[in-house]
Amino acid sequence: MAGMRGRRIVIVAVVVVVAAAFLVLLFAPGMLICPAVGMGGSLALGVPVHLRGAGLNLFSGVIDLKGLEVGNPKGYTTKNAIEVGRINVHAPLTALLRRTPRIESITVEAPAVALEPSLTGSNLSDLLANTGKPGATGGGKKLIIGSLRIVGAKVSVAVKLSNALASVILLPPLELKGLGGEGTLGVTLAQTMALSLQEIIRSAVANGGGVIPPELGASLSSSVASVDKAKRQVADAVSDTRKQAVGTVSDTRKQAVEAANSAAKGFMDRAKGFVK
């Protein structure tokens, strides 16, 4: 009786916790979403990341994130490296309940990016370097993202040049598709932020002629290339590990088949001797 009563108490407690979490997600989603975004972003970029608010419509599967701020590494004058007024996320409830949750689309609207050079590089290069440090990918839930779009991005360059055409670079729409798919087992929120930063830097360099000095552009491109190289090395290491595992399994199976064939042959030989 005592054991049954204990199990009932545990079941009731679990139901209460789940119900409470559902009510918070329904009526005050910011209490769950904002801390998760802040923690994941800080892990990814190595700087303070804050999200001011979040709204959720469970029936339409739309999540509105408002007021994202990504701080600058130490030593830079501007407070934030990136500020985003609104991020629209489309994620039907049925897709979120999968073993690996799927987000149909993410649209980052009009991010304001501050590019500030330093003696050794820039704030964006430092942020990108932080994404390659141990633990930067975070340990959060992995997701599959159908598409991630960045529209209306503006990069303010804190450099004064006599031949500069403008101090602001307007970026064309950027889009990443199939994040976390094709057997990669999903991406974390931290990895998604890192990928977004890479695309912004690539586009800023490509569209920043006359605004970004050549040496700064070369430094930014080098930072992106270094991160890409590190990712390829990790991917190759994972691939080699998988090949070794498959090879080990294959060898084990081969040995098992050979042992079975040998045992069968021995049995047949003994059977023939007995018949004689």
Protein backbone atom coordinates (compact mmCIF):
# COMPACT_ATOMS: atom_id res chain seq x y z
CA MET A 1 0.00 0.00 0.00
CA ALA A 2 2.80 2.38 0.91
CA GLY A 3 4.54 1.67 -2.40
CA MET A 4 1.34 2.29 -4.36
CA ARG A 5 0.74 5.53 -2.46
CA GLY A 6 4.29 6.63 -3.24
CA ARG A 7 3.83 5.96 -6.95
CA ARG A 8 0.59 7.96 -6.95
CA ILE A 9 2.35 10.89 -5.31
CA VAL A 10 5.09 10.78 -7.96
CA ILE A 11 2.53 10.65 -10.80
CA VAL A 12 0.59 13.58 -9.35
CA ALA A 13 3.80 15.58 -8.93
CA VAL A 14 4.82 14.93 -12.55
CA VAL A 15 1.37 15.96 -13.80
CA VAL A 16 1.50 19.16 -11.76
CA VAL A 17 4.97 20.05 -13.09
CA VAL A 18 3.98 19.37 -16.70
CA ALA A 19 0.76 21.35 -16.31
CA ALA A 20 2.63 24.26 -14.73
CA ALA A 21 5.20 24.26 -17.55
CA PHE A 22 2.38 24.22 -20.13
CA LEU A 23 0.62 27.15 -18.46
CA VAL A 24 3.85 29.15 -18.32
CA LEU A 25 4.53 28.37 -21.99
CA LEU A 26 0.98 29.37 -22.90
CA PHE A 27 0.57 32.55 -20.87
CA ALA A 28 4.14 33.68 -20.13
CA PRO A 29 6.43 32.09 -22.74
CA GLY A 30 9.16 34.63 -22.06
CA MET A 31 9.83 32.97 -18.69
CA LEU A 32 11.07 29.87 -20.52
CA ILE A 33 12.22 31.14 -23.92
CA CYS A 34 14.18 34.26 -22.92
CA PRO A 35 16.55 32.49 -20.48
CA ALA A 36 17.11 29.67 -23.00
CA VAL A 37 18.05 32.12 -25.77
CA GLY A 38 20.28 34.10 -23.43
CA MET A 39 22.11 31.02 -22.17
CA GLY A 40 22.51 29.46 -25.62
CA GLY A 41 23.69 32.70 -27.15
CA SER A 42 26.20 33.38 -24.38
CA LEU A 43 27.63 29.87 -24.74
CA ALA A 44 27.95 30.31 -28.49
CA LEU A 45 29.43 33.79 -28.64
CA GLY A 46 31.16 34.22 -25.29
CA VAL A 47 29.41 37.52 -24.53
CA PRO A 48 26.21 38.53 -22.73
CA VAL A 49 23.11 37.80 -24.81
CA HIS A 50 19.66 39.04 -23.78
CA LEU A 51 16.15 38.60 -25.17
CA ARG A 52 13.61 41.08 -23.85
CA GLY A 53 10.40 39.26 -24.72
CA ALA A 54 8.73 36.31 -26.43
CA GLY A 55 5.19 35.65 -27.60
CA LEU A 56 3.78 32.26 -28.52
CA ASN A 57 0.65 31.17 -30.36
CA LEU A 58 0.41 27.40 -29.89
CA PHE A 59 -2.43 27.04 -32.39
CA SER A 60 -0.72 28.80 -35.29
CA GLY A 61 2.76 27.63 -34.30
CA VAL A 62 4.20 31.16 -34.40
CA ILE A 63 6.77 32.40 -31.90
CA ASP A 64 7.73 36.09 -31.81
CA LEU A 65 11.06 36.94 -30.22
CA LYS A 66 11.63 40.62 -29.45
CA GLY A 67 14.62 42.70 -28.47
CA LEU A 68 17.63 40.43 -28.99
CA GLU A 69 20.91 42.02 -27.88
CA VAL A 70 24.35 40.48 -28.39
CA GLY A 71 27.04 42.22 -26.36
CA ASN A 72 30.54 43.07 -27.51
CA PRO A 73 33.72 41.36 -26.35
CA LYS A 74 35.77 43.30 -23.81
CA GLY A 75 37.82 46.19 -25.14
CA TYR A 76 35.30 47.59 -27.64
CA THR A 77 33.49 50.90 -27.28
CA THR A 78 30.03 50.04 -28.63
CA LYS A 79 27.74 48.33 -26.13
CA ASN A 80 26.28 45.72 -28.46
CA ALA A 81 27.64 43.99 -31.52
CA ILE A 82 24.19 42.95 -32.77
CA GLU A 83 20.68 44.20 -32.04
CA VAL A 84 17.54 42.64 -33.50
CA GLY A 85 14.08 44.08 -32.97
CA ARG A 86 12.10 41.01 -34.02
CA ILE A 87 12.64 37.36 -34.90
CA ASN A 88 9.72 35.37 -36.29
CA VAL A 89 9.74 31.61 -35.73
CA HIS A 90 7.25 29.24 -37.37
CA ALA A 91 7.10 25.91 -35.55
CA PRO A 92 3.84 23.88 -35.53
CA LEU A 93 3.23 22.08 -32.26
CA THR A 94 3.19 18.67 -33.96
CA ALA A 95 6.66 19.33 -35.37
CA LEU A 96 7.98 20.47 -31.98
CA LEU A 97 6.83 17.24 -30.35
CA ARG A 98 9.01 15.05 -32.56
CA ARG A 99 12.04 13.25 -31.16
CA THR A 100 14.18 15.86 -32.92
CA PRO A 101 11.96 18.96 -32.98
CA ARG A 102 11.60 20.71 -36.34
CA ILE A 103 11.25 24.44 -36.90
CA GLU A 104 9.82 25.23 -40.31
CA SER A 105 11.33 28.70 -40.63
CA ILE A 106 13.11 31.48 -38.76
CA THR A 107 13.14 35.06 -40.06
CA VAL A 108 15.53 37.55 -38.48
CA GLU A 109 14.20 41.02 -39.26
CA ALA A 110 16.48 44.03 -39.78
CA PRO A 111 19.41 43.16 -37.52
CA ALA A 112 21.71 46.10 -36.74
CA VAL A 113 25.32 44.96 -36.67
CA ALA A 114 28.21 47.09 -35.40
CA LEU A 115 31.60 46.28 -36.95
CA GLU A 116 34.41 47.77 -34.87
CA PRO A 117 38.07 47.16 -35.78
CA SER A 118 40.88 46.60 -33.29
CA LEU A 119 44.65 46.28 -33.48
CA THR A 120 44.38 42.52 -33.97
CA GLY A 121 41.09 42.16 -35.85
CA SER A 122 37.56 43.24 -34.99
CA ASN A 123 34.69 42.58 -32.61
CA LEU A 124 32.96 40.29 -35.13
CA SER A 125 36.16 38.29 -35.66
CA ASP A 126 36.45 37.86 -31.89
CA LEU A 127 32.83 36.72 -31.64
CA LEU A 128 33.35 34.24 -34.45
CA ALA A 129 36.53 32.94 -32.79
CA ASN A 130 34.53 32.35 -29.60
CA THR A 131 32.15 30.04 -31.48
CA GLY A 132 35.02 27.61 -32.07
CA LYS A 133 36.02 27.30 -28.42
CA PRO A 134 35.26 24.13 -26.41
CA GLY A 135 31.71 24.16 -25.09
CA ALA A 136 30.60 26.90 -27.50
CA THR A 137 28.08 24.63 -29.24
CA GLY A 138 26.16 24.29 -25.99
CA GLY A 139 24.41 21.26 -24.59
CA GLY A 140 20.88 22.34 -25.40
CA LYS A 141 18.19 20.52 -27.33
CA LYS A 142 19.05 19.88 -30.96
CA LEU A 143 16.66 21.03 -33.67
CA ILE A 144 16.10 20.73 -37.39
CA ILE A 145 15.48 24.09 -39.08
CA GLY A 146 13.92 24.15 -42.53
CA SER A 147 15.09 27.65 -43.40
CA LEU A 148 16.72 30.59 -41.65
CA ARG A 149 16.36 33.99 -43.35
CA ILE A 150 18.08 37.25 -42.42
CA VAL A 151 16.40 40.24 -44.08
CA GLY A 152 17.15 43.96 -43.97
CA ALA A 153 20.48 43.59 -42.19
CA LYS A 154 22.58 46.73 -41.74
CA VAL A 155 26.26 46.72 -40.79
CA SER A 156 27.63 49.95 -39.31
CA VAL A 157 31.37 50.22 -39.81
CA ALA A 158 33.24 52.25 -37.19
CA VAL A 159 35.97 53.28 -39.63
CA LYS A 160 36.49 56.73 -41.14
CA LEU A 161 38.03 56.68 -44.60
CA SER A 162 38.42 59.59 -46.96
CA ASN A 163 37.23 57.43 -49.87
CA ALA A 164 34.41 55.67 -48.00
CA LEU A 165 31.09 55.65 -49.82
CA ALA A 166 29.07 55.20 -46.65
CA SER A 167 29.39 54.14 -43.01
CA VAL A 168 26.57 51.60 -43.31
CA ILE A 169 26.44 48.46 -45.47
CA LEU A 170 23.00 47.23 -46.50
CA LEU A 171 23.04 43.47 -46.90
CA PRO A 172 20.86 41.53 -49.35
CA PRO A 173 18.54 38.85 -47.92
CA LEU A 174 20.50 35.86 -46.62
CA GLU A 175 19.12 32.34 -46.32
CA LEU A 176 20.33 29.07 -44.88
CA LYS A 177 18.35 25.90 -45.61
CA GLY A 178 18.16 22.47 -44.05
CA LEU A 179 20.07 23.21 -40.85
CA GLY A 180 20.55 20.07 -38.79
CA GLY A 181 19.25 17.76 -41.50
CA GLU A 182 20.88 15.16 -43.73
CA GLY A 183 22.08 12.96 -40.89
CA THR A 184 23.75 15.69 -38.81
CA LEU A 185 21.29 14.96 -35.99
CA GLY A 186 20.23 18.56 -35.55
CA VAL A 187 21.78 21.85 -34.49
CA THR A 188 21.67 23.62 -31.13
CA LEU A 189 20.53 27.21 -30.64
CA ALA A 190 24.17 28.15 -30.08
CA GLN A 191 25.27 26.59 -33.38
CA THR A 192 22.44 28.37 -35.20
CA MET A 193 23.63 31.74 -33.87
CA ALA A 194 27.19 30.95 -34.92
CA LEU A 195 26.09 30.03 -38.46
CA SER A 196 24.06 33.24 -38.71
CA LEU A 197 27.06 35.34 -37.68
CA GLN A 198 29.21 33.63 -40.31
CA GLU A 199 26.74 34.46 -43.07
CA ILE A 200 26.49 38.08 -41.96
CA ILE A 201 30.28 38.46 -41.98
CA ARG A 202 30.60 36.82 -45.42
CA SER A 203 27.96 39.12 -46.86
CA ALA A 204 29.44 42.23 -45.19
CA VAL A 205 32.84 41.53 -46.76
CA ALA A 206 31.28 40.79 -50.15
CA ASN A 207 29.16 43.95 -50.13
CA GLY A 208 31.44 46.28 -48.19
CA GLY A 209 33.68 47.59 -50.96
CA GLY A 210 34.72 51.18 -50.22
CA VAL A 211 33.55 50.94 -46.61
CA ILE A 212 35.52 48.06 -45.12
CA PRO A 213 39.30 48.56 -45.46
CA PRO A 214 41.06 45.75 -47.37
CA GLU A 215 43.06 44.61 -44.34
CA LEU A 216 39.91 44.44 -42.19
CA GLY A 217 38.07 42.53 -44.92
CA ALA A 218 40.96 40.09 -45.18
CA SER A 219 40.92 39.59 -41.40
CA LEU A 220 37.19 38.88 -41.41
CA SER A 221 37.49 36.43 -44.31
CA SER A 222 40.35 34.68 -42.52
CA SER A 223 38.19 34.31 -39.39
CA VAL A 224 35.39 32.70 -41.40
CA ALA A 225 37.84 30.39 -43.17
CA SER A 226 39.38 29.31 -39.85
CA VAL A 227 35.96 28.39 -38.44
CA ASP A 228 35.07 26.53 -41.64
CA LYS A 229 38.34 24.59 -41.46
CA ALA A 230 37.73 23.64 -37.83
CA LYS A 231 34.22 22.43 -38.71
CA ARG A 232 35.55 20.30 -41.57
CA GLN A 233 38.16 18.75 -39.28
CA VAL A 234 35.46 17.88 -36.74
CA ALA A 235 33.22 16.50 -39.48
CA ASP A 236 36.09 14.42 -40.90
CA ALA A 237 36.92 13.09 -37.44
CA VAL A 238 33.28 12.09 -36.88
CA SER A 239 33.17 10.49 -40.32
CA ASP A 240 36.37 8.50 -39.64
CA THR A 241 34.97 7.35 -36.30
CA ARG A 242 31.79 6.17 -37.98
CA LYS A 243 33.77 4.36 -40.70
CA GLN A 244 35.89 2.64 -38.06
CA ALA A 245 32.76 1.62 -36.16
CA VAL A 246 31.16 0.25 -39.33
CA GLY A 247 34.40 -1.55 -40.19
CA THR A 248 34.57 -3.08 -36.72
CA VAL A 249 30.99 -4.28 -36.97
CA SER A 250 31.68 -5.66 -40.45
CA ASP A 251 34.78 -7.53 -39.24
CA THR A 252 32.86 -8.94 -36.29
CA ARG A 253 30.10 -10.16 -38.57
CA LYS A 254 32.63 -11.68 -40.94
CA GLN A 255 34.32 -13.52 -38.08
CA ALA A 256 30.96 -14.77 -36.84
CA VAL A 257 30.03 -16.06 -40.30
CA GLU A 258 33.41 -17.77 -40.70
CA ALA A 259 33.06 -19.39 -37.25
CA ALA A 260 29.56 -20.60 -38.12
CA ASN A 261 30.73 -22.01 -41.46
CA SER A 262 33.66 -23.75 -39.76
CA ALA A 263 31.38 -25.27 -37.14
CA ALA A 264 28.96 -26.45 -39.82
CA LYS A 265 31.79 -28.01 -41.86
CA GLY A 266 33.10 -29.82 -38.79
CA PHE A 267 29.63 -31.15 -38.04
CA MET A 268 29.23 -32.41 -41.62
CA ASP A 269 32.63 -34.10 -41.54
CA ARG A 270 31.77 -35.91 -38.32
CA ALA A 271 28.41 -36.91 -39.75
CA LYS A 272 30.09 -38.43 -42.80
CA GLY A 273 32.49 -40.39 -40.62
CA PHE A 274 29.61 -41.73 -38.56
CA VAL A 275 27.75 -42.87 -41.68
CA LYS A 276 30.81 -44.74 -42.92
